Amino acid sequence: NKYSDAFITCSRWSKKMLEQRFNIENIVVIYNGVDTNFFKPGIGGYFVIQDNFKHELPRFGTVGRLGKAKGTDLLYKMASEMQGTAEFFAVGPCDKELIAEIGNNKINNFHLLGSLPNSALPSFYSFIDCFVLPSLDETFPLTVLEAMSCGKPVIASNVGGIPEMIDDGINGILLESGNFALLKEAIIKIMKDEDLRNNFANEARKKIIKNFTIYNTAEELMKFYISIS
């Protein structure tokens, strides 16, 4: 049969890595998907946090295991340079090293919110104006898909499977990882151009519905298992 002894991976990038490093053949790419009825624009009411922040300022947010590997230190540095201009929100467990750095240099526009249940994430994505993931390395982060499904523009590093999700300049912005200057440029661009934000948001939602729903994933998995049965 067509897929005898085949392997499944979640991105073309992962497939390439497996082929190069382990000389594995018969690798099938089946993308992870998200529930677009759960992660959708405007869902979940208003997101409430205990920290004080300036409600009128643009809001940039990230979700994940916070630390230097995820570029959270770059976001913190960005916030320190943009006090009074933008607010930054970070959801997820935070590395002790970064917590110590933030504790020693507390600024009022960077908010560590801790971990949230999955049920609260659509409200968080609705709360922010733009999702940012300046990671040094990634495989295929679902948070990018979730934010895009919620109709949010995304700024993310051009690493791993992320460029398979984001079409640069169409539904988001891809950056060289670790490049603070480019990150700042992208954030300012998103802040200043409302039409760009809206276009990215609309195109992001369309891309998810077309390519990255849980129904697409289920259908592709079903085809795969039938092919090897």
C-alpha atoms as a PDB file:
ATOM      1  CA  ASN A   1       0.000   0.000   0.000  1.00  0.00           C
ATOM      2  CA  LYS A   2       0.976   3.622  -0.495  1.00  0.00           C
ATOM      3  CA  TYR A   3       1.951   4.540   3.093  1.00  0.00           C
ATOM      4  CA  SER A   4       3.357   1.295   4.484  1.00  0.00           C
ATOM      5  CA  ASP A   5       5.600   2.080   7.481  1.00  0.00           C
ATOM      6  CA  ALA A   6       4.851   5.784   7.098  1.00  0.00           C
ATOM      7  CA  PHE A   7       5.367   8.524   9.659  1.00  0.00           C
ATOM      8  CA  ILE A   8       3.244  11.573  10.423  1.00  0.00           C
ATOM      9  CA  THR A   9       4.658  14.980  11.236  1.00  0.00           C
ATOM     10  CA  CYS A  10       2.951  18.339  11.697  1.00  0.00           C
ATOM     11  CA  SER A  11       4.923  20.557   9.286  1.00  0.00           C
ATOM     12  CA  ARG A  12       7.055  20.516   6.158  1.00  0.00           C
ATOM     13  CA  TRP A  13       9.887  21.889   8.283  1.00  0.00           C
ATOM     14  CA  SER A  14       9.674  18.897  10.652  1.00  0.00           C
ATOM     15  CA  LYS A  15       9.588  16.534   7.687  1.00  0.00           C
ATOM     16  CA  LYS A  16      12.757  18.079   6.285  1.00  0.00           C
ATOM     17  CA  MET A  17      14.531  17.824   9.652  1.00  0.00           C
ATOM     18  CA  LEU A  18      13.599  14.134  10.037  1.00  0.00           C
ATOM     19  CA  GLU A  19      14.746  13.344   6.522  1.00  0.00           C
ATOM     20  CA  GLN A  20      18.074  15.124   6.965  1.00  0.00           C
ATOM     21  CA  ARG A  21      18.939  14.024  10.488  1.00  0.00           C
ATOM     22  CA  PHE A  22      17.609  10.478  10.598  1.00  0.00           C
ATOM     23  CA  ASN A  23      17.292   9.539   6.921  1.00  0.00           C
ATOM     24  CA  ILE A  24      13.615   8.695   7.449  1.00  0.00           C
ATOM     25  CA  GLU A  25      11.428   8.195   4.385  1.00  0.00           C
ATOM     26  CA  ASN A  26       7.666   8.014   3.833  1.00  0.00           C
ATOM     27  CA  ILE A  27       6.901  11.019   6.031  1.00  0.00           C
ATOM     28  CA  VAL A  28       3.399  12.452   5.655  1.00  0.00           C
ATOM     29  CA  VAL A  29       2.686  16.039   6.690  1.00  0.00           C
ATOM     30  CA  ILE A  30      -0.662  16.506   8.454  1.00  0.00           C
ATOM     31  CA  TYR A  31      -1.054  19.929  10.000  1.00  0.00           C
ATOM     32  CA  ASN A  32      -2.360  20.429  13.511  1.00  0.00           C
ATOM     33  CA  GLY A  33      -5.595  22.352  13.565  1.00  0.00           C
ATOM     34  CA  VAL A  34      -7.666  24.482  15.916  1.00  0.00           C
ATOM     35  CA  ASP A  35     -11.360  24.630  16.731  1.00  0.00           C
ATOM     36  CA  THR A  36     -12.450  27.736  14.836  1.00  0.00           C
ATOM     37  CA  ASN A  37     -15.780  27.753  16.669  1.00  0.00           C
ATOM     38  CA  PHE A  38     -13.912  28.057  19.976  1.00  0.00           C
ATOM     39  CA  PHE A  39     -11.075  30.293  18.818  1.00  0.00           C
ATOM     40  CA  LYS A  40     -12.981  32.980  16.987  1.00  0.00           C
ATOM     41  CA  PRO A  41     -13.091  36.811  16.943  1.00  0.00           C
ATOM     42  CA  GLY A  42     -14.790  38.538  19.847  1.00  0.00           C
ATOM     43  CA  ILE A  43     -15.524  35.397  21.855  1.00  0.00           C
ATOM     44  CA  GLY A  44     -15.644  35.084  25.616  1.00  0.00           C
ATOM     45  CA  GLY A  45     -16.522  38.571  26.811  1.00  0.00           C
ATOM     46  CA  TYR A  46     -14.066  40.979  28.323  1.00  0.00           C
ATOM     47  CA  PHE A  47     -10.765  39.704  29.674  1.00  0.00           C
ATOM     48  CA  VAL A  48     -10.064  41.038  33.168  1.00  0.00           C
ATOM     49  CA  ILE A  49      -6.654  41.310  34.820  1.00  0.00           C
ATOM     50  CA  GLN A  50      -5.691  42.579  38.256  1.00  0.00           C
ATOM     51  CA  ASP A  51      -2.764  44.713  37.082  1.00  0.00           C
ATOM     52  CA  ASN A  52      -3.355  48.354  36.349  1.00  0.00           C
ATOM     53  CA  PHE A  53      -2.779  49.331  32.734  1.00  0.00           C
ATOM     54  CA  LYS A  54      -3.645  52.124  30.335  1.00  0.00           C
ATOM     55  CA  HIS A  55      -6.733  50.901  28.532  1.00  0.00           C
ATOM     56  CA  GLU A  56      -6.375  53.359  25.665  1.00  0.00           C
ATOM     57  CA  LEU A  57      -2.955  52.059  24.554  1.00  0.00           C
ATOM     58  CA  PRO A  58      -2.348  49.294  21.982  1.00  0.00           C
ATOM     59  CA  ARG A  59      -2.007  45.830  23.546  1.00  0.00           C
ATOM     60  CA  PHE A  60       0.552  43.243  22.515  1.00  0.00           C
ATOM     61  CA  GLY A  61       0.438  39.748  23.960  1.00  0.00           C
ATOM     62  CA  THR A  62       2.156  36.393  23.931  1.00  0.00           C
ATOM     63  CA  VAL A  63       1.349  32.894  25.207  1.00  0.00           C
ATOM     64  CA  GLY A  64       3.748  30.063  25.986  1.00  0.00           C
ATOM     65  CA  ARG A  65       6.576  28.967  28.248  1.00  0.00           C
ATOM     66  CA  LEU A  66       8.007  32.399  28.873  1.00  0.00           C
ATOM     67  CA  GLY A  67      11.744  32.835  28.699  1.00  0.00           C
ATOM     68  CA  LYS A  68      14.636  33.685  26.410  1.00  0.00           C
ATOM     69  CA  ALA A  69      13.948  30.722  24.137  1.00  0.00           C
ATOM     70  CA  LYS A  70      10.549  32.254  23.375  1.00  0.00           C
ATOM     71  CA  GLY A  71      11.999  35.750  23.028  1.00  0.00           C
ATOM     72  CA  THR A  72      10.076  36.984  26.061  1.00  0.00           C
ATOM     73  CA  ASP A  73      13.157  38.932  27.159  1.00  0.00           C
ATOM     74  CA  LEU A  74      12.979  40.860  23.880  1.00  0.00           C
ATOM     75  CA  LEU A  75       9.325  41.695  24.554  1.00  0.00           C
ATOM     76  CA  TYR A  76      10.248  42.883  28.029  1.00  0.00           C
ATOM     77  CA  LYS A  77      13.006  45.085  26.601  1.00  0.00           C
ATOM     78  CA  MET A  78      10.508  46.361  24.039  1.00  0.00           C
ATOM     79  CA  ALA A  79       8.033  47.239  26.771  1.00  0.00           C
ATOM     80  CA  SER A  80      10.697  49.148  28.685  1.00  0.00           C
ATOM     81  CA  GLU A  81      11.332  51.300  25.609  1.00  0.00           C
ATOM     82  CA  MET A  82       7.630  51.841  24.934  1.00  0.00           C
ATOM     83  CA  GLN A  83       6.313  52.871  28.341  1.00  0.00           C
ATOM     84  CA  GLY A  84       3.388  55.216  27.820  1.00  0.00           C
ATOM     85  CA  THR A  85       3.048  54.019  24.219  1.00  0.00           C
ATOM     86  CA  ALA A  86       1.927  50.379  24.409  1.00  0.00           C
ATOM     87  CA  GLU A  87       1.006  47.673  26.916  1.00  0.00           C
ATOM     88  CA  PHE A  88       2.457  44.135  26.886  1.00  0.00           C
ATOM     89  CA  PHE A  89       0.865  40.989  28.343  1.00  0.00           C
ATOM     90  CA  ALA A  90       2.467  37.559  28.760  1.00  0.00           C
ATOM     91  CA  VAL A  91       0.561  34.356  29.572  1.00  0.00           C
ATOM     92  CA  GLY A  92       2.240  31.152  30.703  1.00  0.00           C
ATOM     93  CA  PRO A  93       4.805  29.769  33.158  1.00  0.00           C
ATOM     94  CA  CYS A  94       7.885  31.989  33.343  1.00  0.00           C
ATOM     95  CA  ASP A  95      11.539  30.948  33.678  1.00  0.00           C
ATOM     96  CA  LYS A  96      13.054  31.872  37.045  1.00  0.00           C
ATOM     97  CA  GLU A  97      15.848  33.806  35.349  1.00  0.00           C
ATOM     98  CA  LEU A  98      13.394  36.074  33.570  1.00  0.00           C
ATOM     99  CA  ILE A  99      11.223  36.492  36.676  1.00  0.00           C
ATOM    100  CA  ALA A 100      14.308  37.677  38.568  1.00  0.00           C
ATOM    101  CA  GLU A 101      15.208  40.123  35.808  1.00  0.00           C
ATOM    102  CA  ILE A 102      11.696  41.532  35.717  1.00  0.00           C
ATOM    103  CA  GLY A 103      11.587  41.748  39.505  1.00  0.00           C
ATOM    104  CA  ASN A 104      14.812  43.729  39.591  1.00  0.00           C
ATOM    105  CA  ASN A 105      13.728  46.113  36.840  1.00  0.00           C
ATOM    106  CA  LYS A 106       9.972  46.441  37.281  1.00  0.00           C
ATOM    107  CA  ILE A 107       8.172  48.466  34.625  1.00  0.00           C
ATOM    108  CA  ASN A 108       4.494  49.311  34.599  1.00  0.00           C
ATOM    109  CA  ASN A 109       3.548  48.247  31.059  1.00  0.00           C
ATOM    110  CA  PHE A 110       4.744  44.626  31.080  1.00  0.00           C
ATOM    111  CA  HIS A 111       2.288  42.258  32.731  1.00  0.00           C
ATOM    112  CA  LEU A 112       3.066  38.647  33.665  1.00  0.00           C
ATOM    113  CA  LEU A 113      -0.332  36.950  33.941  1.00  0.00           C
ATOM    114  CA  GLY A 114       0.781  33.413  34.793  1.00  0.00           C
ATOM    115  CA  SER A 115      -0.786  30.312  33.296  1.00  0.00           C
ATOM    116  CA  LEU A 116      -4.387  30.371  32.114  1.00  0.00           C
ATOM    117  CA  PRO A 117      -6.791  27.499  31.443  1.00  0.00           C
ATOM    118  CA  ASN A 118      -7.405  26.810  27.781  1.00  0.00           C
ATOM    119  CA  SER A 119     -10.974  28.048  28.213  1.00  0.00           C
ATOM    120  CA  ALA A 120      -9.673  31.569  28.954  1.00  0.00           C
ATOM    121  CA  LEU A 121      -7.404  31.873  25.925  1.00  0.00           C
ATOM    122  CA  PRO A 122     -10.022  33.059  23.392  1.00  0.00           C
ATOM    123  CA  SER A 123     -10.853  35.941  25.741  1.00  0.00           C
ATOM    124  CA  PHE A 124      -7.159  36.796  26.047  1.00  0.00           C
ATOM    125  CA  TYR A 125      -6.653  36.783  22.286  1.00  0.00           C
ATOM    126  CA  SER A 126      -9.702  39.039  21.940  1.00  0.00           C
ATOM    127  CA  PHE A 127      -8.277  41.339  24.620  1.00  0.00           C
ATOM    128  CA  ILE A 128      -4.999  42.020  22.804  1.00  0.00           C
ATOM    129  CA  ASP A 129      -4.551  43.876  19.521  1.00  0.00           C
ATOM    130  CA  CYS A 130      -1.646  41.818  18.220  1.00  0.00           C
ATOM    131  CA  PHE A 131      -0.024  38.490  19.095  1.00  0.00           C
ATOM    132  CA  VAL A 132       3.784  38.365  19.219  1.00  0.00           C
ATOM    133  CA  LEU A 133       6.006  35.278  19.303  1.00  0.00           C
ATOM    134  CA  PRO A 134       9.678  36.270  18.809  1.00  0.00           C
ATOM    135  CA  SER A 135      11.027  32.780  19.551  1.00  0.00           C
ATOM    136  CA  LEU A 136      14.587  31.710  18.811  1.00  0.00           C
ATOM    137  CA  ASP A 137      13.358  28.234  17.791  1.00  0.00           C
ATOM    138  CA  GLU A 138       9.963  26.647  17.226  1.00  0.00           C
ATOM    139  CA  THR A 139       8.421  23.566  15.692  1.00  0.00           C
ATOM    140  CA  PHE A 140       4.746  24.307  15.002  1.00  0.00           C
ATOM    141  CA  PRO A 141       3.307  26.542  17.762  1.00  0.00           C
ATOM    142  CA  LEU A 142      -0.453  26.189  18.145  1.00  0.00           C
ATOM    143  CA  THR A 143      -0.635  29.611  19.815  1.00  0.00           C
ATOM    144  CA  VAL A 144       0.003  31.241  16.450  1.00  0.00           C
ATOM    145  CA  LEU A 145      -2.904  29.322  14.920  1.00  0.00           C
ATOM    146  CA  GLU A 146      -5.135  30.183  17.876  1.00  0.00           C
ATOM    147  CA  ALA A 147      -4.409  33.901  17.653  1.00  0.00           C
ATOM    148  CA  MET A 148      -4.917  33.907  13.881  1.00  0.00           C
ATOM    149  CA  SER A 149      -8.189  32.003  14.300  1.00  0.00           C
ATOM    150  CA  CYS A 150      -9.311  34.728  16.732  1.00  0.00           C
ATOM    151  CA  GLY A 151      -8.696  37.287  13.998  1.00  0.00           C
ATOM    152  CA  LYS A 152      -5.501  38.786  15.372  1.00  0.00           C
ATOM    153  CA  PRO A 153      -2.472  39.986  13.425  1.00  0.00           C
ATOM    154  CA  VAL A 154       0.634  38.033  14.382  1.00  0.00           C
ATOM    155  CA  ILE A 155       4.287  39.046  14.544  1.00  0.00           C
ATOM    156  CA  ALA A 156       6.485  35.943  14.784  1.00  0.00           C
ATOM    157  CA  SER A 157       9.974  34.652  14.103  1.00  0.00           C
ATOM    158  CA  ASN A 158      10.651  33.079  10.742  1.00  0.00           C
ATOM    159  CA  VAL A 159      11.634  29.729  12.263  1.00  0.00           C
ATOM    160  CA  GLY A 160      10.386  26.139  12.233  1.00  0.00           C
ATOM    161  CA  GLY A 161       6.903  25.695  10.842  1.00  0.00           C
ATOM    162  CA  ILE A 162       5.794  29.283  11.483  1.00  0.00           C
ATOM    163  CA  PRO A 163       6.267  30.419   7.844  1.00  0.00           C
ATOM    164  CA  GLU A 164       3.866  27.641   6.848  1.00  0.00           C
ATOM    165  CA  MET A 165       1.195  29.423   8.915  1.00  0.00           C
ATOM    166  CA  ILE A 166       1.994  33.075   8.224  1.00  0.00           C
ATOM    167  CA  ASP A 167       2.226  34.625   4.776  1.00  0.00           C
ATOM    168  CA  ASP A 168       4.502  37.583   5.422  1.00  0.00           C
ATOM    169  CA  GLY A 169       2.820  40.889   4.645  1.00  0.00           C
ATOM    170  CA  ILE A 170      -0.543  39.244   3.974  1.00  0.00           C
ATOM    171  CA  ASN A 171      -1.790  37.862   7.305  1.00  0.00           C
ATOM    172  CA  GLY A 172       1.110  38.731   9.589  1.00  0.00           C
ATOM    173  CA  ILE A 173       4.772  39.648   9.829  1.00  0.00           C
ATOM    174  CA  LEU A 174       7.720  37.248   9.872  1.00  0.00           C
ATOM    175  CA  LEU A 175      10.982  38.322  11.505  1.00  0.00           C
ATOM    176  CA  GLU A 176      14.552  37.148  11.802  1.00  0.00           C
ATOM    177  CA  SER A 177      14.730  35.537  15.235  1.00  0.00           C
ATOM    178  CA  GLY A 178      16.563  37.518  17.906  1.00  0.00           C
ATOM    179  CA  ASN A 179      16.513  40.732  15.884  1.00  0.00           C
ATOM    180  CA  PHE A 180      15.304  43.397  18.310  1.00  0.00           C
ATOM    181  CA  ALA A 181      15.402  46.226  15.761  1.00  0.00           C
ATOM    182  CA  LEU A 182      13.133  44.364  13.329  1.00  0.00           C
ATOM    183  CA  LEU A 183      10.780  43.404  16.149  1.00  0.00           C
ATOM    184  CA  LYS A 184      10.464  47.022  17.200  1.00  0.00           C
ATOM    185  CA  GLU A 185       9.902  48.103  13.615  1.00  0.00           C
ATOM    186  CA  ALA A 186       7.116  45.542  13.187  1.00  0.00           C
ATOM    187  CA  ILE A 187       5.383  46.504  16.435  1.00  0.00           C
ATOM    188  CA  ILE A 188       5.446  50.208  15.538  1.00  0.00           C
ATOM    189  CA  LYS A 189       4.127  49.376  12.062  1.00  0.00           C
ATOM    190  CA  ILE A 190       1.195  47.452  13.534  1.00  0.00           C
ATOM    191  CA  MET A 191       0.516  50.249  16.043  1.00  0.00           C
ATOM    192  CA  LYS A 192       0.394  53.015  13.454  1.00  0.00           C
ATOM    193  CA  ASP A 193      -1.586  51.357  10.654  1.00  0.00           C
ATOM    194  CA  GLU A 194      -5.157  50.408  11.559  1.00  0.00           C
ATOM    195  CA  ASP A 195      -5.968  49.313   8.010  1.00  0.00           C
ATOM    196  CA  LEU A 196      -2.983  46.968   8.041  1.00  0.00           C
ATOM    197  CA  ARG A 197      -4.099  45.488  11.374  1.00  0.00           C
ATOM    198  CA  ASN A 198      -7.597  44.904  10.058  1.00  0.00           C
ATOM    199  CA  ASN A 199      -6.372  43.374   6.795  1.00  0.00           C
ATOM    200  CA  PHE A 200      -3.992  41.045   8.618  1.00  0.00           C
ATOM    201  CA  ALA A 201      -6.763  40.051  11.030  1.00  0.00           C
ATOM    202  CA  ASN A 202      -9.218  39.204   8.256  1.00  0.00           C
ATOM    203  CA  GLU A 203      -6.663  37.309   6.208  1.00  0.00           C
ATOM    204  CA  ALA A 204      -5.421  35.421   9.276  1.00  0.00           C
ATOM    205  CA  ARG A 205      -8.894  34.106  10.038  1.00  0.00           C
ATOM    206  CA  LYS A 206      -9.380  33.103   6.394  1.00  0.00           C
ATOM    207  CA  LYS A 207      -6.069  31.208   6.349  1.00  0.00           C
ATOM    208  CA  ILE A 208      -7.004  29.194   9.425  1.00  0.00           C
ATOM    209  CA  ILE A 209     -10.457  28.308   8.128  1.00  0.00           C
ATOM    210  CA  LYS A 210      -8.961  27.205   4.816  1.00  0.00           C
ATOM    211  CA  ASN A 211      -5.953  25.237   6.049  1.00  0.00           C
ATOM    212  CA  PHE A 212      -5.787  24.696   9.799  1.00  0.00           C
ATOM    213  CA  THR A 213      -9.084  23.558  11.294  1.00  0.00           C
ATOM    214  CA  ILE A 214      -9.436  20.476  13.482  1.00  0.00           C
ATOM    215  CA  TYR A 215     -11.802  19.147  10.825  1.00  0.00           C
ATOM    216  CA  ASN A 216      -9.061  19.348   8.186  1.00  0.00           C
ATOM    217  CA  THR A 217      -6.729  17.501  10.550  1.00  0.00           C
ATOM    218  CA  ALA A 218      -9.296  14.788  11.273  1.00  0.00           C
ATOM    219  CA  GLU A 219     -10.036  14.303   7.572  1.00  0.00           C
ATOM    220  CA  GLU A 220      -6.349  14.002   6.670  1.00  0.00           C
ATOM    221  CA  LEU A 221      -5.735  11.560   9.525  1.00  0.00           C
ATOM    222  CA  MET A 222      -8.677   9.441   8.407  1.00  0.00           C
ATOM    223  CA  LYS A 223      -7.307   9.322   4.842  1.00  0.00           C
ATOM    224  CA  PHE A 224      -3.902   8.338   6.178  1.00  0.00           C
ATOM    225  CA  TYR A 225      -5.172   5.482   8.356  1.00  0.00           C
ATOM    226  CA  ILE A 226      -7.382   4.158   5.556  1.00  0.00           C
ATOM    227  CA  SER A 227      -4.382   4.183   3.233  1.00  0.00           C
ATOM    228  CA  ILE A 228      -2.336   1.957   5.567  1.00  0.00           C
ATOM    229  CA  SER A 229      -5.154  -0.383   6.614  1.00  0.00           C
END
